[in-house]
Amino acid sequence: MTSRFSGSLQSVESESIPGGNLQLMGAQNEQGRYPWPLSEDAIRLAATIKASCAEANQIILFTGVAAREGVSTVAAQVALALAQMDQGPVLLLDANLRTPSGHATFQVQQVPGLSELIEQKTTLHEAIHPLQHSALSVLSSGSADGDALALFPTPGCSALMQTLHKEFHFVIVDSSPLLQFADTTLLVPYADGVVVTVAAGMHRRSEILEVKRLLDSLKANVIGVVLYDKTEHLSR
């Protein structure tokens, strides 16, 4: 089921991640251990990302072609897998202000979060949630009325990204779909690498090529493509 992890959007050669409900293992929140297994595919993908990033401290942006591509699922699993590889501190940053999910997945507070940090209404200590017995921390999206188009291209956002880049070995950014919202195009300049998730059987070649054209125009460093298969269950 798993094919080669590739940076090619044109050929869409990819790491195959099965779909279904998000399942995580190995991290704890205040209520205790998550009882779900971590996908073997996510572990392989995390290992590939680790190998492709020669320099320490990387911001890796995860995005998709359209909604329901499994971007949040893949980003969360890869972040947790990296945290288990003794890579130093890892942060999952929920920058999808349209449909945030990180706070629900990891059972942490949504507010304060990214929006409040950019607007300097809170501190890193208040907004970032370290998970017990794990190198992974979670930064939720923040207020639901946060305007990404107004927040992301600001000195406050730039300064925050620089701080996170210094503090964490990996910052895994969960973002909005590229062809539906302009939000993600404003985040690409902050990223050292971009991973694109494509839902199996959902898109025309023209849509995928449009994503490639857009990322090329932004000079994005596309380090891979993930084929997200909703018809399969996650590995146990």
C-alpha atoms as a PDB file:
ATOM      1  CA  MET A   1       0.000   0.000   0.000  1.00  0.00           C
ATOM      2  CA  THR A   2       2.860   2.375   0.704  1.00  0.00           C
ATOM      3  CA  SER A   3       4.738   3.906  -2.205  1.00  0.00           C
ATOM      4  CA  ARG A   4       7.772   6.153  -2.315  1.00  0.00           C
ATOM      5  CA  PHE A   5       7.699   9.452  -0.399  1.00  0.00           C
ATOM      6  CA  SER A   6       8.471  12.090  -2.991  1.00  0.00           C
ATOM      7  CA  GLY A   7       8.693  15.803  -3.552  1.00  0.00           C
ATOM      8  CA  SER A   8       6.950  15.504  -6.874  1.00  0.00           C
ATOM      9  CA  LEU A   9       3.491  17.003  -7.096  1.00  0.00           C
ATOM     10  CA  GLN A  10       3.346  16.395 -10.811  1.00  0.00           C
ATOM     11  CA  SER A  11       3.757  12.643 -10.521  1.00  0.00           C
ATOM     12  CA  VAL A  12       2.086  12.446  -7.101  1.00  0.00           C
ATOM     13  CA  GLU A  13       4.418   9.692  -6.010  1.00  0.00           C
ATOM     14  CA  SER A  14       3.853   9.616  -2.291  1.00  0.00           C
ATOM     15  CA  GLU A  15       3.750   8.086   1.140  1.00  0.00           C
ATOM     16  CA  SER A  16       0.323   6.500   1.516  1.00  0.00           C
ATOM     17  CA  ILE A  17      -1.451   7.327   4.771  1.00  0.00           C
ATOM     18  CA  PRO A  18      -4.714   5.467   5.385  1.00  0.00           C
ATOM     19  CA  GLY A  19      -7.708   7.432   6.545  1.00  0.00           C
ATOM     20  CA  GLY A  20     -10.390   7.081   9.148  1.00  0.00           C
ATOM     21  CA  ASN A  21     -10.573   8.547  12.629  1.00  0.00           C
ATOM     22  CA  LEU A  22      -7.409  10.038  14.088  1.00  0.00           C
ATOM     23  CA  GLN A  23      -5.543   7.598  16.296  1.00  0.00           C
ATOM     24  CA  LEU A  24      -2.585   8.507  18.496  1.00  0.00           C
ATOM     25  CA  MET A  25      -0.475   6.756  21.069  1.00  0.00           C
ATOM     26  CA  GLY A  26       2.379   7.600  23.376  1.00  0.00           C
ATOM     27  CA  ALA A  27       1.379  11.067  24.545  1.00  0.00           C
ATOM     28  CA  GLN A  28      -0.487  12.087  27.647  1.00  0.00           C
ATOM     29  CA  ASN A  29      -2.614  15.057  28.505  1.00  0.00           C
ATOM     30  CA  GLU A  30      -3.819  16.017  31.964  1.00  0.00           C
ATOM     31  CA  GLN A  31      -6.431  13.260  31.928  1.00  0.00           C
ATOM     32  CA  GLY A  32      -3.995  10.416  31.130  1.00  0.00           C
ATOM     33  CA  ARG A  33      -2.656   8.337  28.264  1.00  0.00           C
ATOM     34  CA  TYR A  34      -4.289   8.250  24.857  1.00  0.00           C
ATOM     35  CA  PRO A  35      -5.404   4.656  24.245  1.00  0.00           C
ATOM     36  CA  TRP A  36      -4.920   4.681  20.445  1.00  0.00           C
ATOM     37  CA  PRO A  37      -2.125   3.259  18.304  1.00  0.00           C
ATOM     38  CA  LEU A  38       0.106   5.445  16.168  1.00  0.00           C
ATOM     39  CA  SER A  39      -0.008   4.694  12.433  1.00  0.00           C
ATOM     40  CA  GLU A  40       3.020   2.823  11.107  1.00  0.00           C
ATOM     41  CA  ASP A  41       2.741   4.923   7.955  1.00  0.00           C
ATOM     42  CA  ALA A  42       3.079   8.092  10.023  1.00  0.00           C
ATOM     43  CA  ILE A  43       6.221   6.729  11.645  1.00  0.00           C
ATOM     44  CA  ARG A  44       7.734   6.002   8.228  1.00  0.00           C
ATOM     45  CA  LEU A  45       6.757   9.458   7.006  1.00  0.00           C
ATOM     46  CA  ALA A  46       8.275  11.105  10.088  1.00  0.00           C
ATOM     47  CA  ALA A  47      11.491   9.157   9.572  1.00  0.00           C
ATOM     48  CA  THR A  48      11.634  10.316   5.953  1.00  0.00           C
ATOM     49  CA  ILE A  49      11.114  13.936   6.960  1.00  0.00           C
ATOM     50  CA  LYS A  50      13.790  13.592   9.636  1.00  0.00           C
ATOM     51  CA  ALA A  51      16.245  12.197   7.077  1.00  0.00           C
ATOM     52  CA  SER A  52      15.462  14.937   4.544  1.00  0.00           C
ATOM     53  CA  CYS A  53      16.083  17.748   7.051  1.00  0.00           C
ATOM     54  CA  ALA A  54      19.845  17.957   7.464  1.00  0.00           C
ATOM     55  CA  GLU A  55      19.745  21.108   9.590  1.00  0.00           C
ATOM     56  CA  ALA A  56      18.343  21.252  13.102  1.00  0.00           C
ATOM     57  CA  ASN A  57      15.205  23.243  13.931  1.00  0.00           C
ATOM     58  CA  GLN A  58      12.802  23.039  11.016  1.00  0.00           C
ATOM     59  CA  ILE A  59       9.320  24.442  10.380  1.00  0.00           C
ATOM     60  CA  ILE A  60       7.395  21.948   8.239  1.00  0.00           C
ATOM     61  CA  LEU A  61       4.067  23.107   6.808  1.00  0.00           C
ATOM     62  CA  PHE A  62       1.358  20.533   6.062  1.00  0.00           C
ATOM     63  CA  THR A  63      -1.381  21.526   3.644  1.00  0.00           C
ATOM     64  CA  GLY A  64      -3.838  19.963   1.193  1.00  0.00           C
ATOM     65  CA  VAL A  65      -5.451  20.627  -2.151  1.00  0.00           C
ATOM     66  CA  ALA A  66      -8.951  21.020  -0.695  1.00  0.00           C
ATOM     67  CA  ALA A  67     -10.895  20.270   2.487  1.00  0.00           C
ATOM     68  CA  ARG A  68     -11.114  16.771   3.986  1.00  0.00           C
ATOM     69  CA  GLU A  69      -7.680  15.745   2.738  1.00  0.00           C
ATOM     70  CA  GLY A  70      -6.617  14.405   6.130  1.00  0.00           C
ATOM     71  CA  VAL A  71      -4.078  17.194   6.662  1.00  0.00           C
ATOM     72  CA  SER A  72      -4.793  17.516  10.386  1.00  0.00           C
ATOM     73  CA  THR A  73      -4.665  13.743  10.835  1.00  0.00           C
ATOM     74  CA  VAL A  74      -1.336  13.404   9.055  1.00  0.00           C
ATOM     75  CA  ALA A  75       0.225  16.464  10.743  1.00  0.00           C
ATOM     76  CA  ALA A  76      -0.764  15.301  14.233  1.00  0.00           C
ATOM     77  CA  GLN A  77       0.507  11.769  13.692  1.00  0.00           C
ATOM     78  CA  VAL A  78       3.805  12.911  12.183  1.00  0.00           C
ATOM     79  CA  ALA A  79       4.347  15.401  15.024  1.00  0.00           C
ATOM     80  CA  LEU A  80       3.805  12.680  17.605  1.00  0.00           C
ATOM     81  CA  ALA A  81       6.045  10.254  15.725  1.00  0.00           C
ATOM     82  CA  LEU A  82       8.861  12.817  15.567  1.00  0.00           C
ATOM     83  CA  ALA A  83       8.465  13.466  19.291  1.00  0.00           C
ATOM     84  CA  GLN A  84       8.976   9.754  19.950  1.00  0.00           C
ATOM     85  CA  MET A  85      12.220   9.682  17.952  1.00  0.00           C
ATOM     86  CA  ASP A  86      14.224  11.622  20.559  1.00  0.00           C
ATOM     87  CA  GLN A  87      14.495  14.590  18.244  1.00  0.00           C
ATOM     88  CA  GLY A  88      14.230  17.165  20.979  1.00  0.00           C
ATOM     89  CA  PRO A  89      11.127  19.308  21.535  1.00  0.00           C
ATOM     90  CA  VAL A  90       8.446  19.126  18.832  1.00  0.00           C
ATOM     91  CA  LEU A  91       5.518  21.527  18.436  1.00  0.00           C
ATOM     92  CA  LEU A  92       2.238  20.880  16.635  1.00  0.00           C
ATOM     93  CA  LEU A  93       0.969  24.304  15.571  1.00  0.00           C
ATOM     94  CA  ASP A  94      -2.678  24.504  14.536  1.00  0.00           C
ATOM     95  CA  ALA A  95      -2.667  27.335  11.996  1.00  0.00           C
ATOM     96  CA  ASN A  96      -5.916  26.240  10.358  1.00  0.00           C
ATOM     97  CA  LEU A  97      -8.080  29.060  11.660  1.00  0.00           C
ATOM     98  CA  ARG A  98     -10.945  27.993   9.366  1.00  0.00           C
ATOM     99  CA  THR A  99     -11.532  24.533  10.851  1.00  0.00           C
ATOM    100  CA  PRO A 100      -9.168  24.100  13.830  1.00  0.00           C
ATOM    101  CA  SER A 101      -8.938  20.652  15.374  1.00  0.00           C
ATOM    102  CA  GLY A 102      -5.679  20.381  17.324  1.00  0.00           C
ATOM    103  CA  HIS A 103      -7.240  21.396  20.632  1.00  0.00           C
ATOM    104  CA  ALA A 104      -9.928  18.723  20.324  1.00  0.00           C
ATOM    105  CA  THR A 105      -7.524  16.017  19.192  1.00  0.00           C
ATOM    106  CA  PHE A 106      -5.181  16.530  22.129  1.00  0.00           C
ATOM    107  CA  GLN A 107      -7.818  17.738  24.609  1.00  0.00           C
ATOM    108  CA  VAL A 108      -6.208  21.085  25.355  1.00  0.00           C
ATOM    109  CA  GLN A 109      -7.671  24.587  25.537  1.00  0.00           C
ATOM    110  CA  GLN A 110      -8.287  26.354  22.238  1.00  0.00           C
ATOM    111  CA  VAL A 111      -7.895  29.832  23.739  1.00  0.00           C
ATOM    112  CA  PRO A 112      -5.408  31.339  24.241  1.00  0.00           C
ATOM    113  CA  GLY A 113      -3.579  30.138  21.159  1.00  0.00           C
ATOM    114  CA  LEU A 114      -1.954  31.234  17.923  1.00  0.00           C
ATOM    115  CA  SER A 115      -4.244  34.216  17.305  1.00  0.00           C
ATOM    116  CA  GLU A 116      -3.643  35.641  20.774  1.00  0.00           C
ATOM    117  CA  LEU A 117       0.124  35.124  20.538  1.00  0.00           C
ATOM    118  CA  ILE A 118       0.338  36.994  17.237  1.00  0.00           C
ATOM    119  CA  GLU A 119      -1.676  39.839  18.726  1.00  0.00           C
ATOM    120  CA  GLN A 120       0.519  39.724  21.850  1.00  0.00           C
ATOM    121  CA  LYS A 121      -2.472  39.114  24.108  1.00  0.00           C
ATOM    122  CA  THR A 122      -0.855  36.130  25.830  1.00  0.00           C
ATOM    123  CA  THR A 123       2.523  34.469  26.415  1.00  0.00           C
ATOM    124  CA  LEU A 124       4.138  31.296  25.090  1.00  0.00           C
ATOM    125  CA  HIS A 125       3.924  29.792  28.563  1.00  0.00           C
ATOM    126  CA  GLU A 126       0.151  30.332  28.673  1.00  0.00           C
ATOM    127  CA  ALA A 127      -0.583  29.263  25.092  1.00  0.00           C
ATOM    128  CA  ILE A 128       1.651  26.221  24.550  1.00  0.00           C
ATOM    129  CA  HIS A 129       0.548  22.911  26.090  1.00  0.00           C
ATOM    130  CA  PRO A 130       3.309  20.348  26.734  1.00  0.00           C
ATOM    131  CA  LEU A 131       1.965  16.793  26.732  1.00  0.00           C
ATOM    132  CA  GLN A 132       2.920  14.660  29.706  1.00  0.00           C
ATOM    133  CA  HIS A 133       5.705  12.125  29.180  1.00  0.00           C
ATOM    134  CA  SER A 134       6.257  13.300  25.605  1.00  0.00           C
ATOM    135  CA  ALA A 135       8.513  15.723  23.741  1.00  0.00           C
ATOM    136  CA  LEU A 136       5.429  17.006  21.925  1.00  0.00           C
ATOM    137  CA  SER A 137       3.696  20.297  22.734  1.00  0.00           C
ATOM    138  CA  VAL A 138       0.536  21.694  21.142  1.00  0.00           C
ATOM    139  CA  LEU A 139      -0.237  25.288  20.198  1.00  0.00           C
ATOM    140  CA  SER A 140      -3.926  25.566  19.334  1.00  0.00           C
ATOM    141  CA  SER A 141      -5.461  27.993  16.863  1.00  0.00           C
ATOM    142  CA  GLY A 142      -6.786  30.431  19.413  1.00  0.00           C
ATOM    143  CA  SER A 143      -9.949  32.464  19.036  1.00  0.00           C
ATOM    144  CA  ALA A 144     -12.409  31.233  16.420  1.00  0.00           C
ATOM    145  CA  ASP A 145     -12.843  34.784  15.105  1.00  0.00           C
ATOM    146  CA  GLY A 146      -9.132  35.114  14.295  1.00  0.00           C
ATOM    147  CA  ASP A 147      -8.630  36.555  10.798  1.00  0.00           C
ATOM    148  CA  ALA A 148      -5.765  34.674   9.175  1.00  0.00           C
ATOM    149  CA  LEU A 149      -5.483  37.143   6.300  1.00  0.00           C
ATOM    150  CA  ALA A 150      -4.937  39.945   8.801  1.00  0.00           C
ATOM    151  CA  LEU A 151      -2.786  37.990  11.266  1.00  0.00           C
ATOM    152  CA  PHE A 152      -0.307  35.977   9.204  1.00  0.00           C
ATOM    153  CA  PRO A 153       1.433  38.692   7.126  1.00  0.00           C
ATOM    154  CA  THR A 154       2.357  40.762  10.184  1.00  0.00           C
ATOM    155  CA  PRO A 155       5.565  41.489  12.113  1.00  0.00           C
ATOM    156  CA  GLY A 156       3.958  39.805  15.121  1.00  0.00           C
ATOM    157  CA  CYS A 157       3.507  36.536  13.222  1.00  0.00           C
ATOM    158  CA  SER A 158       7.018  36.739  11.776  1.00  0.00           C
ATOM    159  CA  ALA A 159       8.522  37.295  15.221  1.00  0.00           C
ATOM    160  CA  LEU A 160       6.517  34.404  16.686  1.00  0.00           C
ATOM    161  CA  MET A 161       7.660  32.015  13.946  1.00  0.00           C
ATOM    162  CA  GLN A 162      11.264  32.996  14.518  1.00  0.00           C
ATOM    163  CA  THR A 163      10.876  32.314  18.237  1.00  0.00           C
ATOM    164  CA  LEU A 164       9.258  28.915  17.659  1.00  0.00           C
ATOM    165  CA  HIS A 165      11.957  28.048  15.130  1.00  0.00           C
ATOM    166  CA  LYS A 166      14.588  28.606  17.811  1.00  0.00           C
ATOM    167  CA  GLU A 167      12.724  26.842  20.618  1.00  0.00           C
ATOM    168  CA  PHE A 168      11.669  23.611  18.874  1.00  0.00           C
ATOM    169  CA  HIS A 169      13.552  21.032  16.867  1.00  0.00           C
ATOM    170  CA  PHE A 170      10.511  20.563  14.645  1.00  0.00           C
ATOM    171  CA  VAL A 171       7.461  22.804  14.298  1.00  0.00           C
ATOM    172  CA  ILE A 172       4.730  20.912  12.434  1.00  0.00           C
ATOM    173  CA  VAL A 173       2.188  23.387  11.063  1.00  0.00           C
ATOM    174  CA  ASP A 174      -1.352  22.248  10.249  1.00  0.00           C
ATOM    175  CA  SER A 175      -2.802  24.690   7.715  1.00  0.00           C
ATOM    176  CA  SER A 176      -5.835  25.370   5.519  1.00  0.00           C
ATOM    177  CA  PRO A 177      -6.350  23.903   2.011  1.00  0.00           C
ATOM    178  CA  LEU A 178      -4.363  25.729  -0.651  1.00  0.00           C
ATOM    179  CA  LEU A 179      -7.011  25.972  -3.362  1.00  0.00           C
ATOM    180  CA  GLN A 180      -9.822  27.061  -1.038  1.00  0.00           C
ATOM    181  CA  PHE A 181      -8.228  29.773   1.096  1.00  0.00           C
ATOM    182  CA  ALA A 182      -5.340  32.199   0.754  1.00  0.00           C
ATOM    183  CA  ASP A 183      -4.282  31.677   4.380  1.00  0.00           C
ATOM    184  CA  THR A 184      -1.661  29.041   3.679  1.00  0.00           C
ATOM    185  CA  THR A 185       0.098  31.088   0.998  1.00  0.00           C
ATOM    186  CA  LEU A 186       0.886  33.601   3.750  1.00  0.00           C
ATOM    187  CA  LEU A 187       2.482  30.882   5.898  1.00  0.00           C
ATOM    188  CA  VAL A 188       4.657  29.297   3.204  1.00  0.00           C
ATOM    189  CA  PRO A 189       7.440  31.919   3.526  1.00  0.00           C
ATOM    190  CA  TYR A 190       7.905  30.933   7.182  1.00  0.00           C
ATOM    191  CA  ALA A 191       8.354  27.218   6.374  1.00  0.00           C
ATOM    192  CA  ASP A 192      11.598  25.355   5.737  1.00  0.00           C
ATOM    193  CA  GLY A 193       9.645  22.615   3.994  1.00  0.00           C
ATOM    194  CA  VAL A 194       6.122  21.862   2.755  1.00  0.00           C
ATOM    195  CA  VAL A 195       4.266  18.542   2.683  1.00  0.00           C
ATOM    196  CA  VAL A 196       1.121  18.355   0.535  1.00  0.00           C
ATOM    197  CA  THR A 197      -1.653  15.878   1.314  1.00  0.00           C
ATOM    198  CA  VAL A 198      -3.749  14.649  -1.610  1.00  0.00           C
ATOM    199  CA  ALA A 199      -6.891  12.580  -1.045  1.00  0.00           C
ATOM    200  CA  ALA A 200      -6.856   9.444  -3.176  1.00  0.00           C
ATOM    201  CA  GLY A 201      -9.217   9.591  -6.136  1.00  0.00           C
ATOM    202  CA  MET A 202     -10.622  13.037  -5.342  1.00  0.00           C
ATOM    203  CA  HIS A 203      -8.751  15.430  -7.625  1.00  0.00           C
ATOM    204  CA  ARG A 204      -8.186  16.081 -11.279  1.00  0.00           C
ATOM    205  CA  ARG A 205      -4.664  16.368 -12.536  1.00  0.00           C
ATOM    206  CA  SER A 206      -5.326  20.042 -13.311  1.00  0.00           C
ATOM    207  CA  GLU A 207      -6.011  20.780  -9.619  1.00  0.00           C
ATOM    208  CA  ILE A 208      -2.783  19.119  -8.529  1.00  0.00           C
ATOM    209  CA  LEU A 209      -0.831  21.002 -11.178  1.00  0.00           C
ATOM    210  CA  GLU A 210      -2.413  24.248  -9.980  1.00  0.00           C
ATOM    211  CA  VAL A 211      -1.142  23.527  -6.460  1.00  0.00           C
ATOM    212  CA  LYS A 212       2.304  22.847  -7.915  1.00  0.00           C
ATOM    213  CA  ARG A 213       2.215  26.122  -9.850  1.00  0.00           C
ATOM    214  CA  LEU A 214       1.138  28.039  -6.762  1.00  0.00           C
ATOM    215  CA  LEU A 215       3.848  26.546  -4.555  1.00  0.00           C
ATOM    216  CA  ASP A 216       6.461  27.104  -7.265  1.00  0.00           C
ATOM    217  CA  SER A 217       5.453  30.761  -7.465  1.00  0.00           C
ATOM    218  CA  LEU A 218       5.937  31.026  -3.690  1.00  0.00           C
ATOM    219  CA  LYS A 219       9.355  29.323  -3.994  1.00  0.00           C
ATOM    220  CA  ALA A 220       8.182  26.703  -1.528  1.00  0.00           C
ATOM    221  CA  ASN A 221      10.505  23.828  -0.690  1.00  0.00           C
ATOM    222  CA  VAL A 222       8.132  20.919  -1.294  1.00  0.00           C
ATOM    223  CA  ILE A 223       9.729  17.979   0.485  1.00  0.00           C
ATOM    224  CA  GLY A 224       6.954  15.494  -0.144  1.00  0.00           C
ATOM    225  CA  VAL A 225       3.432  14.496  -1.076  1.00  0.00           C
ATOM    226  CA  VAL A 226       1.149  12.270   0.996  1.00  0.00           C
ATOM    227  CA  LEU A 227      -1.570  10.205  -0.637  1.00  0.00           C
ATOM    228  CA  TYR A 228      -4.347  10.072   1.967  1.00  0.00           C
ATOM    229  CA  ASP A 229      -6.619   7.072   1.537  1.00  0.00           C
ATOM    230  CA  LYS A 230      -9.945   7.461   3.338  1.00  0.00           C
ATOM    231  CA  THR A 231     -11.029   3.936   2.494  1.00  0.00           C
ATOM    232  CA  GLU A 232      -8.425   2.275   4.731  1.00  0.00           C
ATOM    233  CA  HIS A 233      -8.183   2.003   8.506  1.00  0.00           C
ATOM    234  CA  LEU A 234      -5.130   3.215  10.356  1.00  0.00           C
ATOM    235  CA  SER A 235      -2.422   0.688  11.122  1.00  0.00           C
ATOM    236  CA  ARG A 236      -2.671  -0.994  14.518  1.00  0.00           C
END
